[in-house]
Amino acid sequence: MCANSDQDGVVLRFRILRIPVEVRPSFLAIAVLLGLGTGRADLVIGWVAVIFVSILVHELGHALTARSFGSEVAIELNAIGGLTSWTVPDRDIGPGRRALVAAAGSATGLLFGGLVWLAALPFGPYGELTGFVLRNLVFVNVYWGLLNWLPIRPLDGGHLLASLLEKFAPRQGERIANLVFFITAAAALAAAVIFELIFVGLIAAWLLWGEITRGRPRTPPSPIPVLDFNSPTSDEEGEIDAVGDTPPVSDH
């Protein structure tokens, strides 16, 4: 493990189980912000440690499963939590295996949370900081693991649903998935409003807007005139040609 403060925005870079891991400053910033409600510096540090370990364990579940299918994998911890990137090997990974990769993160977290609970159960009583860390290790891994299986597009449950529909209903899969994702995003927003969860509500509103605007045709940018100062090609000496050059539009 080594600290890194170079200009690529990585504050920590290391390998675990031969998997490269990068930690972005935004990950630490969000973790500290969420922990400020504890009101104590030691509990904030304990909370950051809980989030770091829990998300890393979750992403390791994805990474190790994908690697078992022949993929090259890497993990990044950032503002939205964690991201496991993996390549498609020479033999294509079908929807069934992609579903396993999607489900493996939360499954690993649930297993880890259960093991922490079982290991801590016979001992104690614990001090305030130790008890805080153990309780939250169980809470974050179990409850976030279950929440992450909800069929919402950015979550693992969304990837899991899309992969299963591709396997068992390839013709109607995309249409069904879009309908389910719209309903679940709207339900999440409604629940956030009812229970007055401002942060969750903002995320749910962003997700719902993404579902509403998904599939709309994009308006290509207007052509940008490029002045050509080469030798004039027109019969009229000194004329300057304006060539419309439309940049390629990439998808996301």
Protein backbone atom coordinates (compact mmCIF):
# COMPACT_ATOMS: atom_id res chain seq x y z
CA MET A 1 0.00 0.00 0.00
CA CYS A 2 1.37 3.40 -0.85
CA ALA A 3 0.13 6.95 -0.70
CA ASN A 4 0.15 8.94 -3.90
CA SER A 5 -0.39 12.68 -4.26
CA ASP A 6 0.37 13.10 -7.95
CA GLN A 7 -1.74 15.15 -10.31
CA ASP A 8 -3.94 12.32 -11.56
CA GLY A 9 -6.30 12.75 -8.60
CA VAL A 10 -5.34 9.53 -6.79
CA VAL A 11 -4.55 9.83 -3.09
CA LEU A 12 -3.99 6.13 -2.47
CA ARG A 13 -2.92 3.33 -4.78
CA PHE A 14 -2.26 -0.28 -3.79
CA ARG A 15 -2.91 -3.91 -4.73
CA ILE A 16 -4.98 -6.47 -2.87
CA LEU A 17 -5.12 -10.08 -4.04
CA ARG A 18 -3.15 -8.84 -7.08
CA ILE A 19 -5.99 -6.46 -7.99
CA PRO A 20 -5.01 -2.77 -8.47
CA VAL A 21 -7.00 -0.33 -6.34
CA GLU A 22 -7.14 3.47 -6.61
CA VAL A 23 -8.76 5.81 -4.09
CA ARG A 24 -9.93 9.22 -5.30
CA PRO A 25 -10.06 12.32 -3.06
CA SER A 26 -13.83 12.53 -3.65
CA PHE A 27 -14.30 9.16 -1.92
CA LEU A 28 -12.66 10.39 1.27
CA ALA A 29 -14.48 13.73 1.09
CA ILE A 30 -17.93 12.09 0.85
CA ALA A 31 -17.11 9.54 3.56
CA VAL A 32 -16.02 12.30 5.96
CA LEU A 33 -19.09 14.39 5.10
CA LEU A 34 -21.43 11.49 5.86
CA GLY A 35 -19.62 10.86 9.14
CA LEU A 36 -19.78 14.42 10.46
CA GLY A 37 -23.16 13.71 12.04
CA THR A 38 -21.45 11.61 14.69
CA GLY A 39 -20.09 14.81 16.22
CA ARG A 40 -16.74 13.34 17.28
CA ALA A 41 -13.44 13.15 15.45
CA ASP A 42 -12.70 9.56 16.52
CA LEU A 43 -16.12 8.38 15.35
CA VAL A 44 -15.69 10.18 12.03
CA ILE A 45 -12.40 8.33 11.52
CA GLY A 46 -14.09 5.06 12.52
CA TRP A 47 -16.90 5.73 10.05
CA VAL A 48 -14.46 6.43 7.20
CA ALA A 49 -12.69 3.16 8.01
CA VAL A 50 -16.02 1.29 7.94
CA ILE A 51 -16.98 2.77 4.57
CA PHE A 52 -13.53 2.10 3.12
CA VAL A 53 -13.48 -1.56 4.18
CA SER A 54 -17.12 -2.22 3.28
CA ILE A 55 -16.98 -0.78 -0.22
CA LEU A 56 -13.63 -2.43 -0.89
CA VAL A 57 -15.05 -5.83 0.15
CA HIS A 58 -18.09 -5.22 -2.09
CA GLU A 59 -15.95 -4.36 -5.12
CA LEU A 60 -13.66 -7.32 -4.47
CA GLY A 61 -16.71 -9.55 -4.85
CA HIS A 62 -17.27 -8.16 -8.35
CA ALA A 63 -13.58 -8.20 -9.26
CA LEU A 64 -12.79 -11.73 -8.10
CA THR A 65 -15.85 -13.14 -9.85
CA ALA A 66 -15.03 -11.36 -13.11
CA ARG A 67 -11.39 -12.48 -12.87
CA SER A 68 -12.52 -16.09 -12.44
CA PHE A 69 -14.05 -15.78 -15.92
CA GLY A 70 -10.74 -14.61 -17.40
CA SER A 71 -11.14 -10.82 -17.15
CA GLU A 72 -8.53 -8.25 -16.23
CA VAL A 73 -9.93 -6.23 -13.33
CA ALA A 74 -9.30 -3.00 -11.44
CA ILE A 75 -11.07 -1.21 -8.59
CA GLU A 76 -11.62 2.52 -8.05
CA LEU A 77 -13.14 4.12 -4.95
CA ASN A 78 -14.71 7.47 -5.78
CA ALA A 79 -17.53 9.87 -4.90
CA ILE A 80 -20.29 7.44 -5.87
CA GLY A 81 -18.75 4.63 -3.82
CA GLY A 82 -16.87 2.05 -5.84
CA LEU A 83 -16.35 1.00 -9.43
CA THR A 84 -14.97 -2.29 -10.70
CA SER A 85 -13.78 -2.21 -14.29
CA TRP A 86 -13.23 -5.48 -16.13
CA THR A 87 -12.35 -6.48 -19.63
CA VAL A 88 -14.13 -9.05 -21.75
CA PRO A 89 -11.79 -12.01 -22.37
CA ASP A 90 -11.35 -13.80 -25.67
CA ARG A 91 -14.32 -16.02 -24.87
CA ASP A 92 -17.30 -13.71 -24.49
CA ILE A 93 -18.93 -13.45 -21.07
CA GLY A 94 -22.63 -14.11 -21.64
CA PRO A 95 -25.55 -12.60 -19.73
CA GLY A 96 -25.57 -15.43 -17.20
CA ARG A 97 -22.01 -14.75 -16.13
CA ARG A 98 -22.57 -11.00 -16.19
CA ALA A 99 -25.47 -11.57 -13.79
CA LEU A 100 -23.14 -13.48 -11.47
CA VAL A 101 -20.60 -10.63 -11.55
CA ALA A 102 -23.35 -8.11 -10.73
CA ALA A 103 -24.72 -10.18 -7.84
CA ALA A 104 -21.32 -11.05 -6.37
CA GLY A 105 -20.63 -7.64 -4.81
CA SER A 106 -23.59 -7.58 -2.46
CA ALA A 107 -23.31 -11.33 -1.81
CA THR A 108 -19.72 -10.83 -0.64
CA GLY A 109 -20.74 -7.88 1.53
CA LEU A 110 -23.59 -9.85 3.13
CA LEU A 111 -21.20 -12.72 3.89
CA PHE A 112 -18.62 -10.33 5.34
CA GLY A 113 -21.21 -8.56 7.52
CA GLY A 114 -22.50 -11.89 8.80
CA LEU A 115 -19.00 -13.07 9.66
CA VAL A 116 -18.27 -9.83 11.55
CA TRP A 117 -21.49 -10.27 13.53
CA LEU A 118 -20.70 -13.91 14.36
CA ALA A 119 -17.11 -13.12 15.32
CA ALA A 120 -18.11 -10.22 17.59
CA LEU A 121 -21.09 -11.95 19.22
CA PRO A 122 -19.21 -14.04 21.85
CA PHE A 123 -17.09 -11.14 23.04
CA GLY A 124 -17.76 -7.80 24.66
CA PRO A 125 -18.86 -5.55 26.07
CA TYR A 126 -17.00 -3.27 23.70
CA GLY A 127 -15.82 0.28 24.13
CA GLU A 128 -17.75 3.03 22.41
CA LEU A 129 -15.49 3.34 19.36
CA THR A 130 -15.04 -0.41 18.88
CA GLY A 131 -18.76 -1.02 19.28
CA PHE A 132 -19.52 1.77 16.82
CA VAL A 133 -17.20 0.27 14.21
CA LEU A 134 -18.50 -3.29 14.63
CA ARG A 135 -22.18 -2.26 14.52
CA ASN A 136 -21.67 -0.21 11.40
CA LEU A 137 -19.60 -2.88 9.67
CA VAL A 138 -22.59 -5.19 10.04
CA PHE A 139 -25.15 -2.49 9.19
CA VAL A 140 -23.42 -1.11 6.10
CA ASN A 141 -22.58 -4.49 4.59
CA VAL A 142 -25.94 -6.14 5.26
CA TYR A 143 -28.35 -3.29 4.60
CA TRP A 144 -26.40 -1.69 1.77
CA GLY A 145 -25.94 -5.13 0.24
CA LEU A 146 -29.69 -5.74 0.23
CA LEU A 147 -30.43 -2.20 -0.99
CA ASN A 148 -27.94 -2.58 -3.81
CA TRP A 149 -29.91 -5.54 -5.16
CA LEU A 150 -32.93 -3.32 -5.86
CA PRO A 151 -33.71 -3.22 -9.60
CA ILE A 152 -32.54 0.37 -10.13
CA ARG A 153 -30.36 1.03 -13.15
CA PRO A 154 -27.08 2.25 -11.59
CA LEU A 155 -27.19 -0.31 -8.78
CA ASP A 156 -26.05 -3.92 -9.03
CA GLY A 157 -29.69 -4.97 -9.04
CA GLY A 158 -30.19 -3.00 -12.25
CA HIS A 159 -27.28 -4.77 -13.94
CA LEU A 160 -28.53 -8.09 -12.57
CA LEU A 161 -32.05 -7.55 -13.94
CA ALA A 162 -30.77 -6.41 -17.34
CA SER A 163 -28.52 -9.47 -17.64
CA LEU A 164 -31.27 -11.89 -16.62
CA LEU A 165 -33.75 -10.33 -19.05
CA GLU A 166 -31.16 -10.53 -21.82
CA LYS A 167 -30.77 -14.22 -21.10
CA PHE A 168 -34.42 -15.23 -20.63
CA ALA A 169 -36.34 -12.57 -22.60
CA PRO A 170 -33.92 -11.18 -25.18
CA ARG A 171 -36.58 -9.68 -27.45
CA GLN A 172 -38.54 -7.77 -24.79
CA GLY A 173 -35.77 -7.46 -22.21
CA GLU A 174 -34.81 -3.85 -22.85
CA ARG A 175 -38.41 -2.64 -22.88
CA ILE A 176 -39.22 -4.48 -19.64
CA ALA A 177 -36.04 -3.22 -17.98
CA ASN A 178 -36.77 0.40 -18.91
CA LEU A 179 -40.28 0.15 -17.44
CA VAL A 180 -39.03 -1.46 -14.22
CA PHE A 181 -36.23 1.08 -13.81
CA PHE A 182 -38.67 3.98 -14.27
CA ILE A 183 -41.07 2.55 -11.67
CA THR A 184 -38.34 1.85 -9.10
CA ALA A 185 -36.75 5.29 -9.52
CA ALA A 186 -40.16 6.94 -9.06
CA ALA A 187 -40.88 4.76 -6.02
CA ALA A 188 -37.51 5.68 -4.51
CA LEU A 189 -38.26 9.38 -4.96
CA ALA A 190 -41.71 8.99 -3.40
CA ALA A 191 -40.25 7.12 -0.42
CA ALA A 192 -37.59 9.78 0.06
CA VAL A 193 -40.25 12.52 0.09
CA ILE A 194 -42.48 10.61 2.52
CA PHE A 195 -39.64 9.91 4.96
CA GLU A 196 -38.02 13.33 4.40
CA LEU A 197 -34.69 11.93 3.23
CA ILE A 198 -33.23 14.90 1.42
CA PHE A 199 -29.99 13.31 0.22
CA VAL A 200 -31.74 10.15 -0.96
CA GLY A 201 -34.40 12.29 -2.62
CA LEU A 202 -31.83 14.22 -4.65
CA ILE A 203 -30.25 10.99 -5.87
CA ALA A 204 -33.65 9.47 -6.66
CA ALA A 205 -34.71 12.61 -8.56
CA TRP A 206 -31.50 12.45 -10.60
CA LEU A 207 -32.11 8.77 -11.37
CA LEU A 208 -35.73 9.41 -12.35
CA TRP A 209 -34.72 12.25 -14.64
CA GLY A 210 -32.20 9.95 -16.28
CA GLU A 211 -34.95 7.41 -16.95
CA ILE A 212 -37.29 10.08 -18.33
CA THR A 213 -34.69 11.46 -20.73
CA ARG A 214 -33.23 8.08 -21.69
CA GLY A 215 -33.65 7.27 -25.34
CA ARG A 216 -34.41 10.81 -26.45
CA PRO A 217 -32.59 11.66 -29.67
CA ARG A 218 -29.65 13.96 -29.15
CA THR A 219 -29.38 17.12 -31.18
CA PRO A 220 -26.01 17.12 -32.93
CA PRO A 221 -23.89 20.23 -32.44
CA SER A 222 -23.97 22.91 -35.12
CA PRO A 223 -21.21 22.69 -37.72
CA ILE A 224 -18.13 24.63 -36.76
CA PRO A 225 -16.69 26.63 -39.67
CA VAL A 226 -13.02 26.03 -40.24
CA LEU A 227 -11.12 28.71 -42.14
CA ASP A 228 -8.84 27.32 -44.79
CA PHE A 229 -5.83 29.55 -45.41
CA ASN A 230 -4.29 27.36 -48.08
CA SER A 231 -3.92 28.52 -51.64
CA PRO A 232 -7.30 29.72 -52.99
CA THR A 233 -9.14 27.07 -54.99
CA SER A 234 -11.70 29.43 -56.47
CA ASP A 235 -11.34 31.30 -59.75
CA GLU A 236 -11.55 34.51 -57.75
CA GLU A 237 -8.13 35.19 -56.30
CA GLY A 238 -8.00 35.63 -52.55
CA GLU A 239 -11.30 33.90 -51.76
CA ILE A 240 -11.29 31.95 -48.47
CA ASP A 241 -13.22 28.66 -48.30
CA ALA A 242 -15.34 27.90 -45.21
CA VAL A 243 -15.60 24.17 -44.58
CA GLY A 244 -18.29 22.84 -42.24
CA ASP A 245 -16.72 20.25 -39.98
CA THR A 246 -19.08 18.44 -37.62
CA PRO A 247 -17.29 16.70 -34.73
CA PRO A 248 -18.26 13.07 -34.12
CA VAL A 249 -20.87 12.54 -31.42
CA SER A 250 -19.94 9.91 -28.90
CA ASP A 251 -22.31 8.05 -26.72
CA HIS A 252 -21.16 7.87 -22.49
